[in-house]
Amino acid sequence: MHWYEKLNQYFPVEEMKSQEHMETLLRERSDIYHKDEGPNHVLMYAELDNFVFIDYFFVSSNARGQGLGHKLIEKMKQKGKPIILEVEPVNYQDSDTAKRLRFYKREGFEHAESIGYERRSLATNEVNKMEILYWAPHQESEEMIFEAMKKTYNLIHTYKDEHFYGESYQPADEVLTFNEEPDSQNILDPH
């Protein structure tokens, strides 16, 4: 099965970039946008000077529990830069979201409680809320993570968006917010 189909079957439509968008990123932004693919995984990520952003991370169900996800995250950690990713908020009807959060907590990720992320999906026209997780090897601040997310949003998420989707996504300042006194709970530490 083609790498895009694997991702498309696993991720909700509102989170997916078009195949054309992703292939264009791989071709035109090959300096920063990368694909790591194997028989049981697809990892799409952007590596910039001071951080790594994991765009999509898929491990096939028949390979889960065998340490493949851990090995891939370790490979990213070897770069010695903060690692940032977006996850769906916890959905207690979907055991996958809880398992995913437990996995990232085991891998040493933290929840960026002060960063808000809400974007209107061009596919569904609904507002999609995401949470930001990060691994900070040098105790990088959430402010640094916030700035990295804005950069990612502008360089990757909205790259040629009007060309691919016929309209533009909202500007980063509308989608990403920073609140020094967050009112959300830490999704990696539910009580």
N, C-alpha and C. Protein backbone atom coordinates (compact mmCIF):
# COMPACT_ATOMS: atom_id res chain seq x y z
N MET A 1 0.84 -1.18 0.00
CA MET A 1 0.00 0.00 0.00
C MET A 1 0.89 1.26 0.00
N HIS A 2 0.51 2.23 -0.77
CA HIS A 2 1.25 3.49 -0.88
C HIS A 2 1.26 4.22 0.47
N TRP A 3 2.34 4.91 0.78
CA TRP A 3 2.49 5.60 2.07
C TRP A 3 1.34 6.57 2.34
N TYR A 4 0.86 7.27 1.31
CA TYR A 4 -0.21 8.24 1.53
C TYR A 4 -1.50 7.53 1.94
N GLU A 5 -1.78 6.38 1.31
CA GLU A 5 -2.98 5.63 1.65
C GLU A 5 -2.95 5.15 3.10
N LYS A 6 -1.77 4.73 3.56
CA LYS A 6 -1.64 4.31 4.97
C LYS A 6 -2.03 5.45 5.89
N LEU A 7 -1.49 6.65 5.61
CA LEU A 7 -1.80 7.81 6.44
C LEU A 7 -3.28 8.18 6.33
N ASN A 8 -3.78 8.16 5.11
CA ASN A 8 -5.16 8.57 4.84
C ASN A 8 -6.17 7.66 5.53
N GLN A 9 -5.84 6.38 5.67
CA GLN A 9 -6.74 5.45 6.36
C GLN A 9 -6.70 5.64 7.87
N TYR A 10 -5.57 6.14 8.38
CA TYR A 10 -5.38 6.23 9.82
C TYR A 10 -5.81 7.59 10.39
N PHE A 11 -5.51 8.68 9.70
CA PHE A 11 -5.77 10.02 10.23
C PHE A 11 -7.12 10.55 9.76
N PRO A 12 -7.82 11.29 10.63
CA PRO A 12 -9.11 11.88 10.24
C PRO A 12 -8.92 12.85 9.08
N VAL A 13 -9.96 12.99 8.25
CA VAL A 13 -9.89 13.82 7.06
C VAL A 13 -9.49 15.26 7.38
N GLU A 14 -9.96 15.79 8.52
CA GLU A 14 -9.65 17.18 8.86
C GLU A 14 -8.19 17.40 9.23
N GLU A 15 -7.46 16.32 9.49
CA GLU A 15 -6.03 16.44 9.83
C GLU A 15 -5.12 16.16 8.63
N MET A 16 -5.69 15.62 7.57
CA MET A 16 -4.86 15.21 6.43
C MET A 16 -4.58 16.35 5.46
N LYS A 17 -3.34 16.44 5.05
CA LYS A 17 -2.99 17.28 3.91
C LYS A 17 -3.31 16.45 2.66
N SER A 18 -3.49 17.13 1.53
CA SER A 18 -3.71 16.38 0.30
C SER A 18 -2.41 15.68 -0.10
N GLN A 19 -2.54 14.63 -0.90
CA GLN A 19 -1.35 13.93 -1.38
C GLN A 19 -0.47 14.87 -2.18
N GLU A 20 -1.10 15.71 -3.00
CA GLU A 20 -0.35 16.66 -3.82
C GLU A 20 0.44 17.64 -2.93
N HIS A 21 -0.19 18.10 -1.86
CA HIS A 21 0.47 19.02 -0.91
C HIS A 21 1.72 18.35 -0.32
N MET A 22 1.55 17.11 0.15
CA MET A 22 2.67 16.43 0.79
C MET A 22 3.78 16.09 -0.21
N GLU A 23 3.41 15.64 -1.39
CA GLU A 23 4.43 15.33 -2.40
C GLU A 23 5.17 16.59 -2.84
N THR A 24 4.45 17.72 -2.90
CA THR A 24 5.09 19.00 -3.24
C THR A 24 6.05 19.42 -2.14
N LEU A 25 5.66 19.25 -0.87
CA LEU A 25 6.57 19.56 0.25
C LEU A 25 7.83 18.71 0.14
N LEU A 26 7.67 17.41 -0.13
CA LEU A 26 8.83 16.52 -0.24
C LEU A 26 9.75 16.95 -1.38
N ARG A 27 9.16 17.44 -2.44
CA ARG A 27 9.93 17.84 -3.62
C ARG A 27 10.50 19.27 -3.47
N GLU A 28 9.64 20.22 -3.12
CA GLU A 28 10.04 21.63 -3.12
C GLU A 28 10.64 22.10 -1.80
N ARG A 29 10.34 21.40 -0.73
CA ARG A 29 10.90 21.77 0.58
C ARG A 29 11.77 20.64 1.11
N SER A 30 12.43 19.93 0.19
CA SER A 30 13.22 18.76 0.58
C SER A 30 14.37 19.12 1.53
N ASP A 31 14.69 20.41 1.61
CA ASP A 31 15.71 20.84 2.58
C ASP A 31 15.21 20.67 4.02
N ILE A 32 13.88 20.74 4.21
CA ILE A 32 13.35 20.63 5.58
C ILE A 32 12.29 19.54 5.76
N TYR A 33 11.59 19.13 4.71
CA TYR A 33 10.48 18.18 4.86
C TYR A 33 10.90 16.79 4.39
N HIS A 34 10.67 15.78 5.25
CA HIS A 34 11.21 14.44 5.00
C HIS A 34 10.18 13.34 5.25
N LYS A 35 10.43 12.20 4.61
CA LYS A 35 9.61 11.00 4.81
C LYS A 35 10.53 9.87 5.21
N ASP A 36 10.18 9.17 6.28
CA ASP A 36 10.88 7.97 6.72
C ASP A 36 9.82 6.87 6.64
N GLU A 37 10.05 5.92 5.74
CA GLU A 37 9.02 4.91 5.48
C GLU A 37 9.62 3.52 5.55
N GLY A 38 8.86 2.60 6.11
CA GLY A 38 9.24 1.19 6.14
C GLY A 38 7.99 0.36 5.95
N PRO A 39 8.12 -0.96 5.93
CA PRO A 39 6.94 -1.80 5.69
C PRO A 39 5.84 -1.58 6.73
N ASN A 40 6.23 -1.19 7.95
CA ASN A 40 5.24 -1.04 9.03
C ASN A 40 5.13 0.37 9.59
N HIS A 41 5.71 1.36 8.90
CA HIS A 41 5.58 2.73 9.43
C HIS A 41 5.71 3.78 8.33
N VAL A 42 5.16 4.95 8.64
CA VAL A 42 5.35 6.15 7.83
C VAL A 42 5.55 7.30 8.83
N LEU A 43 6.65 8.01 8.67
CA LEU A 43 6.95 9.16 9.53
C LEU A 43 7.26 10.34 8.63
N MET A 44 6.41 11.36 8.70
CA MET A 44 6.60 12.58 7.92
C MET A 44 7.02 13.66 8.92
N TYR A 45 8.12 14.35 8.63
CA TYR A 45 8.57 15.35 9.59
C TYR A 45 9.32 16.49 8.90
N ALA A 46 9.35 17.61 9.61
CA ALA A 46 10.11 18.77 9.15
C ALA A 46 11.24 18.98 10.15
N GLU A 47 12.45 19.14 9.63
CA GLU A 47 13.59 19.42 10.52
C GLU A 47 14.14 20.80 10.18
N LEU A 48 14.08 21.68 11.16
CA LEU A 48 14.64 23.02 11.00
C LEU A 48 15.87 23.14 11.90
N ASP A 49 16.50 24.30 11.88
CA ASP A 49 17.74 24.48 12.64
C ASP A 49 17.60 24.13 14.11
N ASN A 50 16.49 24.57 14.72
CA ASN A 50 16.41 24.42 16.17
C ASN A 50 15.25 23.55 16.67
N PHE A 51 14.57 22.83 15.77
CA PHE A 51 13.54 21.89 16.23
C PHE A 51 13.17 20.92 15.12
N VAL A 52 12.46 19.85 15.53
CA VAL A 52 11.90 18.87 14.61
C VAL A 52 10.39 18.86 14.83
N PHE A 53 9.63 18.92 13.75
CA PHE A 53 8.17 18.84 13.85
C PHE A 53 7.73 17.53 13.20
N ILE A 54 7.04 16.67 13.97
CA ILE A 54 6.51 15.44 13.42
C ILE A 54 5.12 15.75 12.87
N ASP A 55 4.98 15.64 11.56
CA ASP A 55 3.74 15.97 10.89
C ASP A 55 2.77 14.79 10.95
N TYR A 56 3.23 13.61 10.58
CA TYR A 56 2.42 12.40 10.65
C TYR A 56 3.31 11.25 11.11
N PHE A 57 2.76 10.42 12.03
CA PHE A 57 3.50 9.30 12.57
C PHE A 57 2.54 8.12 12.63
N PHE A 58 2.81 7.13 11.78
CA PHE A 58 1.94 5.96 11.68
C PHE A 58 2.76 4.69 11.85
N VAL A 59 2.31 3.83 12.76
CA VAL A 59 2.87 2.49 12.90
C VAL A 59 1.71 1.52 12.70
N SER A 60 1.85 0.58 11.77
CA SER A 60 0.74 -0.32 11.48
C SER A 60 0.37 -1.14 12.71
N SER A 61 -0.91 -1.48 12.78
CA SER A 61 -1.42 -2.17 13.97
C SER A 61 -0.71 -3.49 14.22
N ASN A 62 -0.29 -4.19 13.16
CA ASN A 62 0.37 -5.48 13.38
C ASN A 62 1.80 -5.34 13.89
N ALA A 63 2.33 -4.11 13.92
CA ALA A 63 3.69 -3.90 14.44
C ALA A 63 3.68 -3.18 15.78
N ARG A 64 2.51 -2.81 16.27
CA ARG A 64 2.45 -2.09 17.55
C ARG A 64 2.84 -3.01 18.70
N GLY A 65 3.47 -2.42 19.71
CA GLY A 65 3.88 -3.19 20.88
C GLY A 65 5.20 -3.90 20.68
N GLN A 66 5.88 -3.65 19.54
CA GLN A 66 7.15 -4.32 19.26
C GLN A 66 8.34 -3.37 19.34
N GLY A 67 8.09 -2.13 19.80
CA GLY A 67 9.19 -1.19 19.98
C GLY A 67 9.54 -0.36 18.76
N LEU A 68 8.79 -0.50 17.67
CA LEU A 68 9.10 0.26 16.46
C LEU A 68 8.90 1.76 16.67
N GLY A 69 7.78 2.14 17.29
CA GLY A 69 7.52 3.55 17.57
C GLY A 69 8.62 4.16 18.43
N HIS A 70 9.04 3.42 19.46
CA HIS A 70 10.13 3.88 20.34
C HIS A 70 11.41 4.09 19.54
N LYS A 71 11.75 3.14 18.68
CA LYS A 71 12.99 3.26 17.88
C LYS A 71 12.95 4.49 16.98
N LEU A 72 11.78 4.74 16.37
CA LEU A 72 11.65 5.90 15.47
C LEU A 72 11.76 7.22 16.25
N ILE A 73 11.15 7.27 17.43
CA ILE A 73 11.24 8.48 18.26
C ILE A 73 12.69 8.67 18.72
N GLU A 74 13.35 7.57 19.09
CA GLU A 74 14.76 7.66 19.50
C GLU A 74 15.62 8.23 18.38
N LYS A 75 15.34 7.80 17.16
CA LYS A 75 16.07 8.30 15.99
C LYS A 75 15.90 9.82 15.88
N MET A 76 14.69 10.31 16.13
CA MET A 76 14.43 11.76 16.11
C MET A 76 15.16 12.45 17.27
N LYS A 77 15.16 11.82 18.44
CA LYS A 77 15.82 12.41 19.62
C LYS A 77 17.32 12.56 19.41
N GLN A 78 17.91 11.65 18.60
CA GLN A 78 19.35 11.71 18.34
C GLN A 78 19.77 13.03 17.71
N LYS A 79 18.84 13.74 17.12
CA LYS A 79 19.13 15.02 16.49
C LYS A 79 19.43 16.11 17.53
N GLY A 80 19.04 15.84 18.80
CA GLY A 80 19.35 16.76 19.90
C GLY A 80 18.55 18.05 19.89
N LYS A 81 17.41 18.05 19.21
CA LYS A 81 16.57 19.25 19.10
C LYS A 81 15.20 18.95 19.72
N PRO A 82 14.49 19.99 20.15
CA PRO A 82 13.12 19.75 20.61
C PRO A 82 12.30 19.09 19.49
N ILE A 83 11.41 18.20 19.89
CA ILE A 83 10.51 17.53 18.95
C ILE A 83 9.09 17.99 19.29
N ILE A 84 8.36 18.41 18.28
CA ILE A 84 7.02 18.94 18.48
C ILE A 84 6.05 18.15 17.61
N LEU A 85 4.83 17.93 18.13
CA LEU A 85 3.80 17.30 17.33
C LEU A 85 2.43 17.71 17.82
N GLU A 86 1.45 17.49 16.97
CA GLU A 86 0.06 17.79 17.29
C GLU A 86 -0.66 16.47 17.52
N VAL A 87 -1.54 16.44 18.54
CA VAL A 87 -2.36 15.26 18.77
C VAL A 87 -3.81 15.70 18.98
N GLU A 88 -4.71 14.77 18.70
CA GLU A 88 -6.12 15.02 18.96
C GLU A 88 -6.32 15.07 20.47
N PRO A 89 -7.27 15.91 20.93
CA PRO A 89 -7.62 15.88 22.36
C PRO A 89 -8.11 14.49 22.73
N VAL A 90 -8.04 14.15 24.01
CA VAL A 90 -8.45 12.82 24.45
C VAL A 90 -9.93 12.61 24.14
N ASN A 91 -10.21 11.47 23.53
CA ASN A 91 -11.58 11.07 23.25
C ASN A 91 -11.75 9.72 23.95
N TYR A 92 -12.53 9.71 25.01
CA TYR A 92 -12.62 8.50 25.82
C TYR A 92 -13.39 7.38 25.11
N GLN A 93 -14.07 7.70 24.00
CA GLN A 93 -14.73 6.66 23.21
C GLN A 93 -13.73 6.02 22.23
N ASP A 94 -12.57 6.66 22.06
CA ASP A 94 -11.56 6.16 21.11
C ASP A 94 -10.32 5.77 21.90
N SER A 95 -10.14 4.46 22.10
CA SER A 95 -9.02 4.00 22.93
C SER A 95 -7.67 4.35 22.32
N ASP A 96 -7.64 4.56 21.00
CA ASP A 96 -6.38 4.92 20.33
C ASP A 96 -5.80 6.23 20.85
N THR A 97 -6.68 7.22 21.15
CA THR A 97 -6.14 8.51 21.60
C THR A 97 -5.46 8.34 22.97
N ALA A 98 -6.06 7.57 23.85
CA ALA A 98 -5.46 7.35 25.17
C ALA A 98 -4.15 6.58 25.05
N LYS A 99 -4.12 5.56 24.19
CA LYS A 99 -2.89 4.78 23.98
C LYS A 99 -1.79 5.66 23.41
N ARG A 100 -2.15 6.53 22.47
CA ARG A 100 -1.20 7.44 21.85
C ARG A 100 -0.58 8.36 22.92
N LEU A 101 -1.43 8.90 23.79
CA LEU A 101 -0.93 9.80 24.84
C LEU A 101 -0.01 9.07 25.82
N ARG A 102 -0.38 7.83 26.17
CA ARG A 102 0.49 7.04 27.07
C ARG A 102 1.84 6.79 26.42
N PHE A 103 1.84 6.51 25.12
CA PHE A 103 3.08 6.29 24.38
C PHE A 103 3.97 7.54 24.46
N TYR A 104 3.44 8.70 24.16
CA TYR A 104 4.25 9.92 24.16
C TYR A 104 4.71 10.29 25.57
N LYS A 105 3.88 10.02 26.56
CA LYS A 105 4.31 10.28 27.95
C LYS A 105 5.51 9.39 28.30
N ARG A 106 5.42 8.09 27.93
CA ARG A 106 6.55 7.17 28.17
C ARG A 106 7.81 7.65 27.47
N GLU A 107 7.65 8.28 26.31
CA GLU A 107 8.80 8.76 25.53
C GLU A 107 9.34 10.10 26.05
N GLY A 108 8.74 10.62 27.12
CA GLY A 108 9.26 11.85 27.73
C GLY A 108 8.69 13.14 27.18
N PHE A 109 7.58 13.06 26.45
CA PHE A 109 6.96 14.27 25.91
C PHE A 109 6.16 14.98 26.99
N GLU A 110 6.03 16.28 26.81
CA GLU A 110 5.23 17.11 27.71
C GLU A 110 4.11 17.75 26.92
N HIS A 111 3.05 18.13 27.63
CA HIS A 111 1.90 18.79 27.02
C HIS A 111 2.12 20.30 27.13
N ALA A 112 2.08 21.00 25.99
CA ALA A 112 2.22 22.47 25.98
C ALA A 112 0.88 23.07 26.37
N GLU A 113 0.64 23.15 27.67
CA GLU A 113 -0.66 23.60 28.16
C GLU A 113 -0.95 25.06 27.81
N SER A 114 0.08 25.86 27.60
CA SER A 114 -0.15 27.28 27.33
C SER A 114 -0.41 27.57 25.85
N ILE A 115 -0.30 26.56 24.99
CA ILE A 115 -0.50 26.77 23.56
C ILE A 115 -1.87 26.25 23.13
N GLY A 116 -2.65 27.14 22.55
CA GLY A 116 -3.95 26.76 21.99
C GLY A 116 -3.82 26.60 20.49
N TYR A 117 -4.55 25.62 19.92
CA TYR A 117 -4.47 25.37 18.49
C TYR A 117 -5.88 25.01 18.01
N GLU A 118 -6.49 25.90 17.25
CA GLU A 118 -7.81 25.65 16.68
C GLU A 118 -7.81 26.14 15.25
N ARG A 119 -8.07 25.24 14.31
CA ARG A 119 -8.04 25.60 12.89
C ARG A 119 -9.28 25.06 12.20
N ARG A 120 -9.86 25.89 11.35
CA ARG A 120 -11.01 25.47 10.56
C ARG A 120 -10.49 24.56 9.45
N SER A 121 -11.07 23.39 9.36
CA SER A 121 -10.69 22.43 8.32
C SER A 121 -11.26 22.87 6.98
N LEU A 122 -10.43 22.90 5.96
CA LEU A 122 -10.92 23.21 4.63
C LEU A 122 -11.69 22.03 4.05
N ALA A 123 -11.47 20.84 4.58
CA ALA A 123 -12.17 19.64 4.10
C ALA A 123 -13.58 19.55 4.67
N THR A 124 -13.75 19.89 5.95
CA THR A 124 -15.06 19.72 6.60
C THR A 124 -15.70 21.05 6.99
N ASN A 125 -14.94 22.12 6.97
CA ASN A 125 -15.37 23.46 7.39
C ASN A 125 -15.64 23.55 8.89
N GLU A 126 -15.27 22.52 9.65
CA GLU A 126 -15.45 22.53 11.10
C GLU A 126 -14.15 22.96 11.76
N VAL A 127 -14.29 23.57 12.95
CA VAL A 127 -13.11 23.97 13.71
C VAL A 127 -12.53 22.73 14.37
N ASN A 128 -11.24 22.52 14.14
CA ASN A 128 -10.54 21.34 14.64
C ASN A 128 -9.57 21.78 15.73
N LYS A 129 -9.75 21.26 16.93
CA LYS A 129 -8.86 21.62 18.05
C LYS A 129 -7.81 20.52 18.18
N MET A 130 -6.56 20.94 18.35
CA MET A 130 -5.47 19.99 18.55
C MET A 130 -4.69 20.40 19.79
N GLU A 131 -3.97 19.45 20.35
CA GLU A 131 -3.08 19.72 21.47
C GLU A 131 -1.65 19.59 20.97
N ILE A 132 -0.74 20.35 21.59
CA ILE A 132 0.66 20.32 21.20
C ILE A 132 1.45 19.56 22.27
N LEU A 133 2.21 18.57 21.82
CA LEU A 133 3.13 17.83 22.69
C LEU A 133 4.54 18.15 22.24
N TYR A 134 5.48 18.12 23.20
CA TYR A 134 6.87 18.39 22.83
C TYR A 134 7.83 17.65 23.75
N TRP A 135 8.99 17.37 23.20
CA TRP A 135 10.11 16.79 23.94
C TRP A 135 11.20 17.85 23.91
N ALA A 136 11.66 18.26 25.09
CA ALA A 136 12.61 19.37 25.18
C ALA A 136 13.91 18.90 25.83
N PRO A 137 14.93 18.56 25.01
CA PRO A 137 16.17 18.01 25.56
C PRO A 137 16.96 19.01 26.41
N HIS A 138 16.73 20.30 26.19
CA HIS A 138 17.47 21.32 26.96
C HIS A 138 16.51 22.23 27.71
N GLN A 139 15.41 21.67 28.17
CA GLN A 139 14.38 22.42 28.91
C GLN A 139 13.91 23.67 28.15
N GLU A 140 13.74 23.54 26.85
CA GLU A 140 13.24 24.65 26.06
C GLU A 140 11.87 25.08 26.59
N SER A 141 11.60 26.36 26.52
CA SER A 141 10.36 26.91 27.07
C SER A 141 9.19 26.69 26.13
N GLU A 142 7.98 26.81 26.68
CA GLU A 142 6.79 26.71 25.85
C GLU A 142 6.72 27.89 24.88
N GLU A 143 7.31 29.03 25.24
CA GLU A 143 7.37 30.16 24.30
C GLU A 143 8.15 29.77 23.06
N MET A 144 9.27 29.07 23.24
CA MET A 144 10.08 28.61 22.10
C MET A 144 9.27 27.63 21.25
N ILE A 145 8.54 26.72 21.91
CA ILE A 145 7.71 25.74 21.22
C ILE A 145 6.62 26.46 20.42
N PHE A 146 6.03 27.49 21.01
CA PHE A 146 4.99 28.29 20.35
C PHE A 146 5.54 28.95 19.08
N GLU A 147 6.71 29.55 19.18
CA GLU A 147 7.32 30.19 18.01
C GLU A 147 7.63 29.14 16.92
N ALA A 148 8.07 27.96 17.34
CA ALA A 148 8.36 26.88 16.40
C ALA A 148 7.07 26.41 15.71
N MET A 149 5.98 26.35 16.46
CA MET A 149 4.69 25.95 15.87
C MET A 149 4.23 26.96 14.83
N LYS A 150 4.41 28.25 15.13
CA LYS A 150 4.02 29.28 14.16
C LYS A 150 4.84 29.14 12.88
N LYS A 151 6.13 28.88 13.04
CA LYS A 151 7.01 28.70 11.89
C LYS A 151 6.57 27.48 11.08
N THR A 152 6.27 26.39 11.75
CA THR A 152 5.80 25.17 11.10
C THR A 152 4.51 25.43 10.34
N TYR A 153 3.60 26.11 11.00
CA TYR A 153 2.30 26.40 10.39
C TYR A 153 2.50 27.16 9.08
N ASN A 154 3.36 28.17 9.12
CA ASN A 154 3.59 29.00 7.93
C ASN A 154 4.41 28.30 6.84
N LEU A 155 5.38 27.50 7.24
CA LEU A 155 6.26 26.83 6.25
C LEU A 155 5.68 25.53 5.69
N ILE A 156 4.93 24.82 6.50
CA ILE A 156 4.48 23.47 6.12
C ILE A 156 2.96 23.41 5.92
N HIS A 157 2.19 23.71 6.97
CA HIS A 157 0.74 23.52 6.92
C HIS A 157 0.07 24.38 5.85
N THR A 158 0.52 25.61 5.69
CA THR A 158 -0.16 26.51 4.73
C THR A 158 0.65 26.69 3.44
N TYR A 159 1.66 25.85 3.23
CA TYR A 159 2.48 25.95 2.03
C TYR A 159 1.61 25.77 0.78
N LYS A 160 1.51 26.80 -0.04
CA LYS A 160 0.73 26.78 -1.28
C LYS A 160 -0.71 26.30 -1.06
N ASP A 161 -1.28 26.60 0.11
CA ASP A 161 -2.61 26.09 0.45
C ASP A 161 -3.69 26.52 -0.54
N GLU A 162 -3.63 27.75 -1.02
CA GLU A 162 -4.64 28.21 -1.98
C GLU A 162 -4.57 27.38 -3.27
N HIS A 163 -3.38 27.05 -3.68
CA HIS A 163 -3.18 26.23 -4.89
C HIS A 163 -3.79 24.83 -4.70
N PHE A 164 -3.54 24.21 -3.54
CA PHE A 164 -3.98 22.84 -3.31
C PHE A 164 -5.46 22.73 -2.94
N TYR A 165 -5.99 23.72 -2.21
CA TYR A 165 -7.34 23.60 -1.65
C TYR A 165 -8.32 24.64 -2.19
N GLY A 166 -7.84 25.56 -3.04
CA GLY A 166 -8.71 26.57 -3.60
C GLY A 166 -9.01 27.72 -2.67
N GLU A 167 -8.50 27.65 -1.46
CA GLU A 167 -8.62 28.73 -0.48
C GLU A 167 -7.49 28.61 0.53
N SER A 168 -7.32 29.67 1.30
CA SER A 168 -6.23 29.68 2.28
C SER A 168 -6.74 29.30 3.66
N TYR A 169 -5.85 28.69 4.44
CA TYR A 169 -6.14 28.48 5.86
C TYR A 169 -6.05 29.83 6.57
N GLN A 170 -6.59 29.88 7.78
CA GLN A 170 -6.50 31.10 8.58
C GLN A 170 -5.04 31.42 8.87
N PRO A 171 -4.72 32.69 9.13
CA PRO A 171 -3.35 33.04 9.50
C PRO A 171 -2.95 32.42 10.85
N ALA A 172 -1.67 32.22 11.04
CA ALA A 172 -1.15 31.57 12.25
C ALA A 172 -1.64 32.27 13.53
N ASP A 173 -1.73 33.61 13.50
CA ASP A 173 -2.15 34.34 14.70
C ASP A 173 -3.59 34.04 15.12
N GLU A 174 -4.41 33.57 14.18
CA GLU A 174 -5.79 33.19 14.53
C GLU A 174 -5.85 31.75 15.01
N VAL A 175 -4.94 30.92 14.53
CA VAL A 175 -4.98 29.48 14.81
C VAL A 175 -4.25 29.14 16.12
N LEU A 176 -3.10 29.80 16.32
CA LEU A 176 -2.26 29.49 17.48
C LEU A 176 -2.32 30.62 18.50
N THR A 177 -2.57 30.26 19.74
CA THR A 177 -2.61 31.26 20.81
C THR A 177 -1.68 30.83 21.94
N PHE A 178 -1.20 31.82 22.67
CA PHE A 178 -0.32 31.54 23.81
C PHE A 178 -0.94 32.18 25.05
N ASN A 179 -1.17 31.37 26.07
CA ASN A 179 -1.78 31.84 27.32
C ASN A 179 -0.85 31.47 28.46
N GLU A 180 -0.28 32.48 29.10
CA GLU A 180 0.68 32.22 30.18
C GLU A 180 0.06 31.49 31.37
N GLU A 181 -1.27 31.64 31.53
CA GLU A 181 -1.96 30.98 32.63
C GLU A 181 -3.04 30.08 32.04
N PRO A 182 -2.63 28.92 31.55
CA PRO A 182 -3.58 28.05 30.87
C PRO A 182 -4.69 27.55 31.79
N ASP A 183 -5.87 27.38 31.21
CA ASP A 183 -6.98 26.84 31.99
C ASP A 183 -7.25 25.37 31.63
N SER A 184 -6.43 24.84 30.73
CA SER A 184 -6.63 23.43 30.35
C SER A 184 -5.84 22.53 31.29
N GLN A 185 -6.25 21.28 31.35
CA GLN A 185 -5.51 20.33 32.18
C GLN A 185 -4.46 19.63 31.33
N ASN A 186 -3.44 19.15 31.98
CA ASN A 186 -2.38 18.44 31.29
C ASN A 186 -2.92 17.11 30.79
N ILE A 187 -3.00 16.95 29.47
CA ILE A 187 -3.60 15.74 28.91
C ILE A 187 -2.71 14.51 29.10
N LEU A 188 -1.45 14.72 29.47
CA LEU A 188 -0.57 13.57 29.70
C LEU A 188 -0.61 13.13 31.16
N ASP A 189 -1.33 13.87 31.99
CA ASP A 189 -1.40 13.57 33.40
C ASP A 189 -2.83 13.70 33.90
N PRO A 190 -3.76 12.94 33.34
CA PRO A 190 -5.17 13.07 33.73
C PRO A 190 -5.40 12.58 35.15
N HIS A 191 -6.20 13.34 35.87
CA HIS A 191 -6.54 12.94 37.25
C HIS A 191 -8.03 12.68 37.35
